[in-house]
Amino acid sequence: MDAIWKIGCNKADHYPTLNRPIDADVAIIGAGITGLTTAERLADTGLRVVVIEALTVGNGCTGGSTGNLYSIMATGLAPLRKKWGDDMVRKIVTSRAQAIDYIEEAVERFGIDCQFHRRPLYRIVTTQDKKTIKTLDAEHEAMVVAGLKVDTIENSPLPFSMEQGLKIEGQAQFNPLSYVHGLAKAISQRGVEIYEHSPVRNIDYDQGLIETDTAHVSAKHIVHATHTPKGISLLQTMLLPSREYGVSAKINSDAYPNGIFFVHDPFHSIRSYQHENEQYVMLIGEQHKTGEGDSNNAHFNNLRDYMGSHFEVTDYCHQWSNQQYSPADSLPYIGKLHGQDRAYLATGFSGDGLVWGTLAGHIIGDLIIGRENPWHEPFDARRFTPAKSAMKWVEENASVSKSLFKDYLGTEKLKEIEEIGLGQGKVVTAEGEKLAIYRDETGKLSVLSAVCPHMMCLVHWNGAEASWDCPCHGSRFDLEGEVIEGPSFHPLAKRDQPS
């Protein structure tokens, strides 16, 4: 389940586990692009900065991303223009373009070998569907309003036909895992302390205390660079967690076009990647709400079928998925946590997190040192936008209520443990308790409480990724119950095998 980037990241530095109490000025939870950019922003300020990572540097959403960097939005500028107006669309494009420029500058300044290249971005319609073409036309108008130079294209750069297309120059691509490895190395040499394999289990904001399994950090400022804030937050009612899937393959072609390709059919993201003279194609799609996807491999199979029908594939080599959190009012939340003056967060990036995360690192770093940042106000995490958020808020919270009601009342009672086959996971009621039971290929059982520790929803079995996923707020757990991602501090509780 590793993304393709790992084939080019075999020499990453390793960082220790936090095993002693320390004092810091700033404690950043999460060593992805958001956390490390924040730390870089603070590295030469004289503050003691500590980064705490549950896994390893970049091994979360950053390492599962596409490596595409663009000033627009994957879901389009037109919906944002309709909701927020022309001025906001211009602010979005300008702020994101500046974030890409920063990444390019950091690559050169720190000598990071991450295959950063400026590339064009294409939006392509492959059908004559009038609604889809109308959507592309609206997107063209929004791009022009944003100040972008847009070219219309008549011939598809991809090896399949198209009806209409748009092209924007000056976007970019890189290997995101190599980039954050290089950024981590650079800031650690400038005094930032990085700790891996140190999951956070509790935060006491009044005391400024972060607890891990083996130690604690006392900090004046606490930053949630975790894609969604840990613990219970008001913002979690404003976020829709979803998953999207990726596959990559070697192809029999030396002339695959470089660029970012958004294909509206209804939507696939396509790009190429080269490593050691091998040419790869990466395909992203099959998005669904976390905890509600196909429990087997249908999403991966659908992507492989699509790729095989469009490219001369010689070998499928990687498959993976990634989590997204979509905001209710379509803009990311970046800034101070509600009710806290020295706690910060960055979330609601949808599928555009590499650029938003970079911008968030600058905004949060500036907030901590009291420096004005021109982009804080439009993305302020404490903003109140009921008219723009209401529909999504109702939709998401109705979904949470439905999951709670349906799961607690509808979980079937386990009659015999043999009902669960090899390689199968199932949520059942046994001896009056909701259990998440998995049987591996050798017949060994793993028995966990099916109750998510975050807000007591029931997890669902994800057979494609062998994980337990919470449909309410996106917490995910491995077969031993440990937290993979999401807001939960704590693992699923272990249980004895039912008799």
Protein backbone atom coordinates (compact mmCIF):
# COMPACT_ATOMS: atom_id res chain seq x y z
CA MET A 1 0.00 0.00 0.00
CA ASP A 2 2.95 2.34 -0.51
CA ALA A 3 2.73 5.27 -2.92
CA ILE A 4 5.15 5.36 -5.82
CA TRP A 5 7.31 8.03 -4.18
CA LYS A 6 9.05 5.54 -1.92
CA ILE A 7 11.00 4.05 -4.83
CA GLY A 8 12.91 7.33 -4.99
CA CYS A 9 13.34 7.84 -1.22
CA ASN A 10 15.64 5.09 -0.01
CA LYS A 11 18.07 7.35 1.85
CA ALA A 12 15.81 9.22 4.25
CA ASP A 13 17.26 10.36 7.57
CA HIS A 14 15.81 8.77 10.70
CA TYR A 15 14.88 10.64 13.85
CA PRO A 16 14.63 9.40 17.45
CA THR A 17 11.52 8.57 19.44
CA LEU A 18 10.63 11.07 22.14
CA ASN A 19 11.59 9.27 25.35
CA ARG A 20 12.22 12.11 27.81
CA PRO A 21 10.26 15.18 28.93
CA ILE A 22 11.31 18.39 27.20
CA ASP A 23 10.38 22.06 27.24
CA ALA A 24 9.79 23.95 23.99
CA ASP A 25 8.54 27.28 22.75
CA VAL A 26 6.64 25.63 19.89
CA ALA A 27 5.50 22.01 19.62
CA ILE A 28 4.29 20.96 16.17
CA ILE A 29 2.30 17.75 15.88
CA GLY A 30 2.86 16.19 12.47
CA ALA A 31 5.93 16.00 10.21
CA GLY A 32 4.25 16.43 6.84
CA ILE A 33 4.48 19.45 4.59
CA THR A 34 2.39 21.67 6.92
CA GLY A 35 4.36 20.91 10.07
CA LEU A 36 7.79 21.08 8.49
CA THR A 37 7.03 24.32 6.63
CA THR A 38 5.84 25.85 9.92
CA ALA A 39 9.03 24.69 11.60
CA GLU A 40 11.16 26.11 8.77
CA ARG A 41 9.40 29.45 9.14
CA LEU A 42 10.40 29.48 12.82
CA ALA A 43 13.85 27.91 12.55
CA ASP A 44 15.88 31.13 12.80
CA THR A 45 13.72 33.04 15.29
CA GLY A 46 15.53 31.90 18.43
CA LEU A 47 12.56 29.76 19.51
CA ARG A 48 12.99 26.14 20.53
CA VAL A 49 10.87 24.25 17.98
CA VAL A 50 9.95 20.58 18.34
CA VAL A 51 8.18 18.44 15.73
CA ILE A 52 6.43 15.27 16.95
CA GLU A 53 5.43 12.63 14.38
CA ALA A 54 3.37 9.49 15.04
CA LEU A 55 4.91 7.60 12.10
CA THR A 56 7.89 8.86 10.09
CA VAL A 57 8.57 12.11 8.25
CA GLY A 58 6.17 12.51 5.33
CA ASN A 59 4.62 9.09 5.78
CA GLY A 60 1.06 10.40 6.14
CA CYS A 61 -1.01 12.37 3.65
CA THR A 62 2.01 14.21 2.22
CA GLY A 63 3.65 10.97 1.13
CA GLY A 64 0.37 9.73 -0.35
CA SER A 65 -0.29 12.84 -2.43
CA THR A 66 0.07 13.29 -6.18
CA GLY A 67 3.04 15.63 -6.08
CA ASN A 68 1.06 18.11 -8.19
CA LEU A 69 1.38 21.82 -7.37
CA TYR A 70 -1.16 24.20 -8.89
CA SER A 71 -2.60 27.61 -8.16
CA ILE A 72 -6.18 26.60 -8.99
CA MET A 73 -8.32 24.02 -7.13
CA ALA A 74 -8.80 20.43 -8.24
CA THR A 75 -12.57 20.73 -7.82
CA GLY A 76 -12.53 23.98 -9.79
CA LEU A 77 -12.55 27.71 -9.27
CA ALA A 78 -16.05 28.19 -10.70
CA PRO A 79 -17.89 26.78 -7.62
CA LEU A 80 -15.75 29.00 -5.40
CA ARG A 81 -16.48 32.01 -7.56
CA LYS A 82 -20.20 31.36 -7.28
CA LYS A 83 -20.02 31.08 -3.48
CA TRP A 84 -17.35 33.67 -2.66
CA GLY A 85 -17.09 36.07 -5.62
CA ASP A 86 -14.36 37.25 -7.94
CA ASP A 87 -12.11 38.85 -5.35
CA MET A 88 -11.79 35.64 -3.33
CA VAL A 89 -10.97 33.64 -6.47
CA ARG A 90 -8.11 36.04 -7.20
CA LYS A 91 -6.87 35.75 -3.60
CA ILE A 92 -6.90 31.95 -3.79
CA VAL A 93 -4.92 31.82 -7.01
CA THR A 94 -2.43 34.47 -5.90
CA SER A 95 -1.81 32.89 -2.47
CA ARG A 96 -1.39 29.42 -3.91
CA ALA A 97 0.96 30.68 -6.63
CA GLN A 98 3.12 32.29 -3.93
CA ALA A 99 3.21 29.00 -2.01
CA ILE A 100 4.46 27.18 -5.12
CA ASP A 101 7.13 29.85 -5.56
CA TYR A 102 8.22 29.25 -1.95
CA ILE A 103 8.55 25.50 -2.59
CA GLU A 104 10.68 26.18 -5.66
CA GLU A 105 12.84 28.59 -3.67
CA ALA A 106 13.23 26.08 -0.81
CA VAL A 107 14.27 23.35 -3.25
CA GLU A 108 17.08 25.58 -4.53
CA ARG A 109 18.07 27.05 -1.16
CA PHE A 110 18.39 23.69 0.57
CA GLY A 111 19.54 21.70 -2.46
CA ILE A 112 16.64 19.24 -2.25
CA ASP A 113 16.68 16.56 -4.94
CA CYS A 114 12.95 16.06 -5.45
CA GLN A 115 12.53 16.39 -9.24
CA PHE A 116 10.84 19.77 -9.02
CA HIS A 117 9.78 20.96 -12.48
CA ARG A 118 7.44 23.62 -13.77
CA ARG A 119 4.68 21.90 -15.75
CA PRO A 120 1.44 22.89 -17.48
CA LEU A 121 -1.94 21.90 -16.09
CA TYR A 122 -4.72 20.64 -18.37
CA ARG A 123 -8.45 20.29 -17.82
CA ILE A 124 -9.89 17.92 -20.41
CA VAL A 125 -13.45 16.90 -21.27
CA THR A 126 -13.67 13.56 -23.08
CA THR A 127 -17.42 13.42 -23.77
CA GLN A 128 -20.01 15.54 -25.55
CA ASP A 129 -22.08 15.80 -22.39
CA LYS A 130 -23.49 19.33 -22.38
CA LYS A 131 -23.41 19.68 -18.60
CA THR A 132 -19.73 18.75 -18.41
CA ILE A 133 -18.82 21.11 -21.24
CA LYS A 134 -20.77 23.90 -19.54
CA THR A 135 -18.80 23.22 -16.36
CA LEU A 136 -15.52 23.55 -18.28
CA ASP A 137 -16.70 26.83 -19.82
CA ALA A 138 -17.51 28.20 -16.35
CA GLU A 139 -14.09 27.10 -15.17
CA HIS A 140 -12.46 28.93 -18.07
CA GLU A 141 -14.25 32.14 -17.08
CA ALA A 142 -13.20 31.77 -13.44
CA MET A 143 -9.56 31.22 -14.42
CA VAL A 144 -9.56 34.38 -16.52
CA VAL A 145 -11.18 36.36 -13.68
CA ALA A 146 -8.40 35.06 -11.40
CA GLY A 147 -5.81 36.58 -13.72
CA LEU A 148 -4.55 33.35 -15.24
CA LYS A 149 -3.49 33.05 -18.86
CA VAL A 150 -5.55 30.16 -20.24
CA ASP A 151 -5.12 28.50 -23.61
CA THR A 152 -7.85 26.42 -25.22
CA ILE A 153 -6.60 23.23 -26.86
CA GLU A 154 -8.16 21.18 -29.63
CA ASN A 155 -5.92 18.12 -29.62
CA SER A 156 -5.46 15.88 -26.61
CA PRO A 157 -1.89 15.56 -25.26
CA LEU A 158 -2.98 12.19 -23.81
CA PRO A 159 -3.28 9.02 -25.87
CA PHE A 160 -7.08 9.22 -26.02
CA SER A 161 -9.62 11.55 -27.58
CA MET A 162 -11.07 14.70 -26.06
CA GLU A 163 -13.84 17.15 -26.86
CA GLN A 164 -12.53 20.31 -25.22
CA GLY A 165 -9.54 21.28 -23.13
CA LEU A 166 -7.83 24.09 -21.24
CA LYS A 167 -4.13 24.58 -20.54
CA ILE A 168 -2.41 26.74 -17.90
CA GLU A 169 1.37 27.12 -17.90
CA GLY A 170 3.59 27.66 -14.88
CA GLN A 171 2.26 25.02 -12.51
CA ALA A 172 4.63 22.41 -11.04
CA GLN A 173 5.33 18.82 -9.98
CA PHE A 174 7.78 17.16 -7.62
CA ASN A 175 8.34 14.09 -5.46
CA PRO A 176 6.59 15.20 -2.23
CA LEU A 177 8.26 12.59 -0.03
CA SER A 178 11.75 13.56 -1.20
CA TYR A 179 10.85 17.21 -0.66
CA VAL A 180 9.79 16.82 2.99
CA HIS A 181 12.76 14.54 3.70
CA GLY A 182 15.02 17.29 2.40
CA LEU A 183 13.14 19.97 4.32
CA ALA A 184 13.37 17.93 7.54
CA LYS A 185 17.11 17.51 7.10
CA ALA A 186 17.58 21.23 6.47
CA ILE A 187 15.63 22.40 9.52
CA SER A 188 17.14 19.77 11.82
CA GLN A 189 20.55 21.20 10.90
CA ARG A 190 19.21 24.60 11.96
CA GLY A 191 18.20 23.44 15.43
CA VAL A 192 14.64 22.11 14.99
CA GLU A 193 14.16 18.86 16.92
CA ILE A 194 12.22 16.10 15.12
CA TYR A 195 10.87 12.99 16.85
CA GLU A 196 9.35 10.03 14.98
CA HIS A 197 7.23 7.10 16.21
CA SER A 198 5.83 9.34 18.94
CA PRO A 199 2.01 9.39 18.69
CA VAL A 200 0.30 12.07 20.77
CA ARG A 201 -2.18 10.65 23.31
CA ASN A 202 -3.43 13.77 25.06
CA ILE A 203 -3.17 17.56 25.02
CA ASP A 204 -3.75 19.81 28.02
CA TYR A 205 -4.03 23.32 26.60
CA ASP A 206 -4.27 25.01 30.00
CA GLN A 207 -0.94 23.50 31.03
CA GLY A 208 0.58 23.60 27.53
CA LEU A 209 1.27 19.88 27.83
CA ILE A 210 1.45 17.25 25.07
CA GLU A 211 1.62 13.62 26.19
CA THR A 212 3.00 10.71 24.17
CA ASP A 213 3.36 7.05 25.18
CA THR A 214 6.82 7.59 26.63
CA ALA A 215 7.23 11.27 27.47
CA HIS A 216 5.69 14.72 27.34
CA VAL A 217 6.42 18.13 25.87
CA SER A 218 5.70 21.39 27.68
CA ALA A 219 5.15 24.10 25.08
CA LYS A 220 4.04 27.72 24.90
CA HIS A 221 2.51 27.17 21.45
CA ILE A 222 0.91 23.97 20.09
CA VAL A 223 0.36 23.41 16.37
CA HIS A 224 -1.93 20.73 14.91
CA ALA A 225 -0.26 19.94 11.57
CA THR A 226 -2.16 16.67 11.41
CA HIS A 227 -4.51 17.25 8.45
CA THR A 228 -7.39 17.40 10.93
CA PRO A 229 -7.07 18.53 14.57
CA LYS A 230 -6.50 15.82 17.16
CA GLY A 231 -9.15 15.33 19.84
CA ILE A 232 -12.61 16.87 19.76
CA SER A 233 -12.95 20.13 17.86
CA LEU A 234 -15.89 22.21 16.73
CA LEU A 235 -14.38 22.28 13.25
CA GLN A 236 -14.86 18.52 12.87
CA THR A 237 -18.57 19.21 12.37
CA MET A 238 -17.57 21.34 9.35
CA LEU A 239 -15.36 18.75 7.61
CA LEU A 240 -16.25 15.90 5.29
CA PRO A 241 -13.62 13.11 5.43
CA SER A 242 -13.15 11.10 2.24
CA ARG A 243 -10.70 8.72 0.62
CA GLU A 244 -9.27 8.69 -2.86
CA TYR A 245 -7.24 5.96 -4.55
CA GLY A 246 -4.13 5.82 -6.69
CA VAL A 247 -2.43 3.26 -8.89
CA SER A 248 0.76 3.54 -10.89
CA ALA A 249 2.18 1.44 -13.71
CA LYS A 250 5.17 1.21 -15.99
CA ILE A 251 4.18 2.02 -19.53
CA ASN A 252 5.55 1.11 -22.93
CA SER A 253 6.22 4.67 -24.07
CA ASP A 254 9.11 7.12 -24.09
CA ALA A 255 7.00 10.09 -25.09
CA TYR A 256 4.39 10.42 -22.37
CA PRO A 257 3.47 14.12 -22.04
CA ASN A 258 4.58 15.87 -18.88
CA GLY A 259 1.95 17.81 -17.00
CA ILE A 260 -0.98 17.72 -14.60
CA PHE A 261 -4.09 16.27 -16.26
CA PHE A 262 -7.57 16.61 -14.76
CA VAL A 263 -9.88 14.52 -16.93
CA HIS A 264 -13.62 15.09 -16.50
CA ASP A 265 -15.06 11.62 -17.09
CA PRO A 266 -16.38 12.23 -14.36
CA PHE A 267 -12.96 12.89 -12.77
CA HIS A 268 -9.50 11.34 -12.91
CA SER A 269 -6.13 12.92 -12.17
CA ILE A 270 -3.25 11.67 -14.31
CA ARG A 271 0.46 12.43 -14.30
CA SER A 272 3.76 10.81 -15.25
CA TYR A 273 6.81 10.07 -13.12
CA GLN A 274 10.28 8.96 -14.10
CA HIS A 275 12.71 7.01 -11.93
CA GLU A 276 15.99 5.43 -13.06
CA ASN A 277 15.01 5.63 -16.74
CA GLU A 278 11.68 3.91 -16.11
CA GLN A 279 8.53 5.74 -17.18
CA TYR A 280 5.45 5.52 -14.95
CA VAL A 281 1.89 6.77 -15.16
CA MET A 282 -0.04 7.62 -12.00
CA LEU A 283 -3.85 7.59 -11.93
CA ILE A 284 -5.99 9.00 -9.08
CA GLY A 285 -9.76 8.71 -8.59
CA GLU A 286 -12.64 6.71 -7.05
CA GLN A 287 -13.31 9.19 -4.23
CA HIS A 288 -15.84 8.25 -1.52
CA LYS A 289 -16.69 9.17 2.06
CA THR A 290 -14.40 7.55 4.61
CA GLY A 291 -15.88 4.34 5.99
CA GLU A 292 -18.40 3.99 3.15
CA GLY A 293 -16.38 2.61 0.24
CA ASP A 294 -16.34 -0.86 -1.26
CA SER A 295 -14.90 -3.23 1.35
CA ASN A 296 -12.82 -5.16 -1.19
CA ASN A 297 -10.57 -4.07 -4.08
CA ALA A 298 -13.16 -2.62 -6.44
CA HIS A 299 -11.73 0.92 -6.34
CA PHE A 300 -8.23 -0.24 -7.25
CA ASN A 301 -9.58 -2.62 -9.89
CA ASN A 302 -11.61 0.17 -11.49
CA LEU A 303 -8.51 2.35 -11.75
CA ARG A 304 -6.44 -0.45 -13.25
CA ASP A 305 -9.19 -1.13 -15.81
CA TYR A 306 -9.26 2.55 -16.73
CA MET A 307 -5.50 2.74 -17.07
CA GLY A 308 -5.31 -0.44 -19.12
CA SER A 309 -7.93 0.89 -21.54
CA HIS A 310 -6.00 4.13 -22.16
CA PHE A 311 -2.29 3.27 -21.90
CA GLU A 312 0.11 0.52 -22.98
CA VAL A 313 0.74 -0.83 -19.50
CA THR A 314 3.63 -3.24 -19.00
CA ASP A 315 3.44 -3.66 -15.22
CA TYR A 316 1.25 -2.37 -12.37
CA CYS A 317 3.61 -1.53 -9.53
CA HIS A 318 1.94 0.52 -6.77
CA GLN A 319 -1.47 1.12 -5.26
CA TRP A 320 -2.38 3.32 -2.32
CA SER A 321 -5.01 5.68 -1.01
CA ASN A 322 -5.11 8.97 0.84
CA GLN A 323 -7.45 10.90 3.10
CA GLN A 324 -9.01 14.29 2.43
CA TYR A 325 -11.05 16.67 4.58
CA SER A 326 -13.35 18.97 2.64
CA PRO A 327 -14.51 22.20 4.36
CA ALA A 328 -18.15 23.20 4.59
CA ASP A 329 -17.62 26.62 2.97
CA SER A 330 -15.02 25.41 0.41
CA LEU A 331 -12.00 27.21 1.95
CA PRO A 332 -9.35 25.73 4.26
CA TYR A 333 -9.29 26.54 7.97
CA ILE A 334 -5.90 27.95 9.00
CA GLY A 335 -5.13 29.75 12.25
CA LYS A 336 -5.98 29.59 15.93
CA LEU A 337 -8.07 26.83 17.45
CA HIS A 338 -11.46 27.97 18.79
CA GLY A 339 -11.15 28.98 22.44
CA GLN A 340 -7.34 28.83 22.45
CA ASP A 341 -4.89 31.69 21.96
CA ARG A 342 -1.75 29.54 21.65
CA ALA A 343 -3.03 26.53 19.75
CA TYR A 344 -3.17 26.44 15.96
CA LEU A 345 -4.50 24.21 13.23
CA ALA A 346 -4.61 23.76 9.48
CA THR A 347 -7.32 21.62 7.93
CA GLY A 348 -9.95 21.45 5.18
CA PHE A 349 -7.45 21.14 2.33
CA SER A 350 -9.62 18.78 0.22
CA GLY A 351 -7.34 17.31 -2.46
CA ASP A 352 -5.10 20.39 -2.65
CA GLY A 353 -3.04 19.90 0.50
CA LEU A 354 0.54 20.29 -0.72
CA VAL A 355 0.02 23.94 -1.63
CA TRP A 356 -2.42 24.73 1.19
CA GLY A 357 -0.08 23.05 3.68
CA THR A 358 2.80 25.22 2.53
CA LEU A 359 0.71 28.38 2.80
CA ALA A 360 -0.56 27.25 6.22
CA GLY A 361 3.00 26.82 7.47
CA HIS A 362 3.72 30.44 6.63
CA ILE A 363 0.49 31.75 8.17
CA ILE A 364 0.87 29.81 11.43
CA GLY A 365 4.57 30.62 11.73
CA ASP A 366 3.79 34.31 11.35
CA LEU A 367 0.95 34.13 13.90
CA ILE A 368 3.30 32.61 16.46
CA ILE A 369 5.94 35.32 16.14
CA GLY A 370 3.41 38.14 15.75
CA ARG A 371 4.23 38.93 12.15
CA GLU A 372 1.44 40.11 9.86
CA ASN A 373 0.50 37.70 7.08
CA PRO A 374 -1.73 38.90 4.22
CA TRP A 375 -3.37 35.51 3.78
CA HIS A 376 -4.53 34.84 7.34
CA GLU A 377 -7.84 36.69 7.19
CA PRO A 378 -9.49 34.89 4.22
CA PHE A 379 -8.61 31.45 5.65
CA ASP A 380 -8.97 32.23 9.37
CA ALA A 381 -9.98 29.06 11.22
CA ARG A 382 -12.26 31.09 13.49
CA ARG A 383 -14.32 32.61 10.68
CA PHE A 384 -18.09 32.31 10.87
CA THR A 385 -19.78 31.72 7.49
CA PRO A 386 -23.22 30.19 8.16
CA ALA A 387 -24.72 31.09 4.78
CA LYS A 388 -21.84 29.47 2.89
CA SER A 389 -21.52 26.50 5.24
CA ALA A 390 -25.10 25.59 6.12
CA MET A 391 -25.83 23.05 3.41
CA LYS A 392 -22.60 21.08 3.91
CA TRP A 393 -22.94 21.31 7.69
CA VAL A 394 -26.42 19.82 7.61
CA GLU A 395 -25.33 17.15 5.13
CA GLU A 396 -22.28 16.03 7.11
CA ASN A 397 -23.91 16.03 10.53
CA ALA A 398 -26.96 14.19 9.19
CA SER A 399 -24.51 11.61 7.86
CA VAL A 400 -22.88 11.28 11.29
CA SER A 401 -26.27 10.84 12.98
CA LYS A 402 -27.29 8.27 10.38
CA SER A 403 -24.08 6.29 10.93
CA LEU A 404 -24.59 6.26 14.70
CA PHE A 405 -28.23 5.19 14.47
CA LYS A 406 -27.82 2.65 11.67
CA ASP A 407 -24.64 1.03 13.01
CA TYR A 408 -25.67 0.66 16.62
CA LEU A 409 -29.08 -0.75 15.75
CA GLY A 410 -28.12 -2.68 12.64
CA THR A 411 -24.98 -4.58 13.66
CA GLU A 412 -25.71 -8.28 13.30
CA LYS A 413 -25.22 -10.64 16.20
CA LEU A 414 -22.30 -13.06 15.94
CA LYS A 415 -23.53 -16.64 16.06
CA GLU A 416 -20.27 -18.49 15.54
CA ILE A 417 -16.72 -17.17 15.30
CA GLU A 418 -16.27 -19.30 12.17
CA GLU A 419 -18.56 -16.87 10.34
CA ILE A 420 -15.49 -14.69 9.83
CA GLY A 421 -13.38 -16.16 7.03
CA LEU A 422 -9.67 -15.93 6.34
CA GLY A 423 -8.60 -12.38 5.47
CA GLN A 424 -12.01 -11.04 6.46
CA GLY A 425 -12.98 -8.33 8.94
CA LYS A 426 -16.43 -7.80 10.38
CA VAL A 427 -18.19 -5.62 12.95
CA VAL A 428 -20.54 -7.75 15.06
CA THR A 429 -22.44 -7.80 18.33
CA ALA A 430 -21.12 -10.42 20.71
CA GLU A 431 -21.86 -10.82 24.41
CA GLY A 432 -23.58 -7.44 24.40
CA GLU A 433 -20.65 -5.54 22.91
CA LYS A 434 -19.82 -4.16 19.45
CA LEU A 435 -16.63 -5.85 18.28
CA ALA A 436 -14.33 -5.43 15.30
CA ILE A 437 -12.99 -8.89 14.50
CA TYR A 438 -10.41 -9.79 11.86
CA ARG A 439 -9.08 -13.23 10.94
CA ASP A 440 -5.73 -13.26 9.11
CA GLU A 441 -4.71 -15.76 6.42
CA THR A 442 -3.29 -18.14 9.05
CA GLY A 443 -6.55 -18.14 11.02
CA LYS A 444 -5.33 -15.92 13.86
CA LEU A 445 -8.00 -13.59 15.24
CA SER A 446 -7.67 -9.95 16.18
CA VAL A 447 -10.53 -8.76 18.42
CA LEU A 448 -11.04 -5.08 19.15
CA SER A 449 -13.78 -2.82 20.41
CA ALA A 450 -15.64 -1.45 17.37
CA VAL A 451 -16.30 1.83 19.19
CA CYS A 452 -14.12 4.69 17.91
CA PRO A 453 -12.54 6.40 20.95
CA HIS A 454 -12.98 9.81 19.34
CA MET A 455 -16.76 10.26 19.59
CA MET A 456 -18.10 6.72 19.99
CA CYS A 457 -19.19 5.97 16.42
CA LEU A 458 -18.71 2.41 15.15
CA VAL A 459 -15.85 1.70 12.78
CA HIS A 460 -16.33 -0.05 9.42
CA TRP A 461 -14.11 -2.71 7.85
CA ASN A 462 -11.97 -1.50 4.93
CA GLY A 463 -10.89 -4.67 3.13
CA ALA A 464 -8.96 -2.85 0.41
CA GLU A 465 -6.58 -1.38 2.98
CA ALA A 466 -7.04 -3.85 5.87
CA SER A 467 -8.07 -1.13 8.30
CA TRP A 468 -10.96 -0.11 10.53
CA ASP A 469 -12.35 3.27 9.38
CA CYS A 470 -14.72 5.56 11.25
CA PRO A 471 -17.39 7.09 8.99
CA CYS A 472 -18.12 9.95 11.38
CA HIS A 473 -14.92 12.00 11.54
CA GLY A 474 -12.35 9.97 9.62
CA SER A 475 -10.29 8.22 12.29
CA ARG A 476 -8.63 5.07 10.95
CA PHE A 477 -7.04 2.17 12.83
CA ASP A 478 -4.79 -0.75 11.87
CA LEU A 479 -5.39 -4.42 12.62
CA GLU A 480 -3.92 -4.04 16.10
CA GLY A 481 -6.17 -1.06 16.79
CA GLU A 482 -3.44 1.58 16.57
CA VAL A 483 -4.39 4.98 15.14
CA ILE A 484 -3.34 5.39 11.49
CA GLU A 485 -4.79 8.87 11.03
CA GLY A 486 -7.66 11.12 12.00
CA PRO A 487 -8.68 12.95 15.18
CA SER A 488 -8.62 10.03 17.63
CA PHE A 489 -5.87 10.17 20.25
CA HIS A 490 -6.27 6.58 21.32
CA PRO A 491 -6.31 3.13 19.68
CA LEU A 492 -9.29 0.82 19.53
CA ALA A 493 -9.43 -1.11 22.79
CA LYS A 494 -8.32 -4.74 22.66
CA ARG A 495 -10.89 -7.37 23.62
CA ASP A 496 -10.89 -11.09 24.36
CA GLN A 497 -12.17 -13.55 21.79
CA PRO A 498 -15.92 -14.08 22.34
CA SER A 499 -16.88 -17.56 23.45
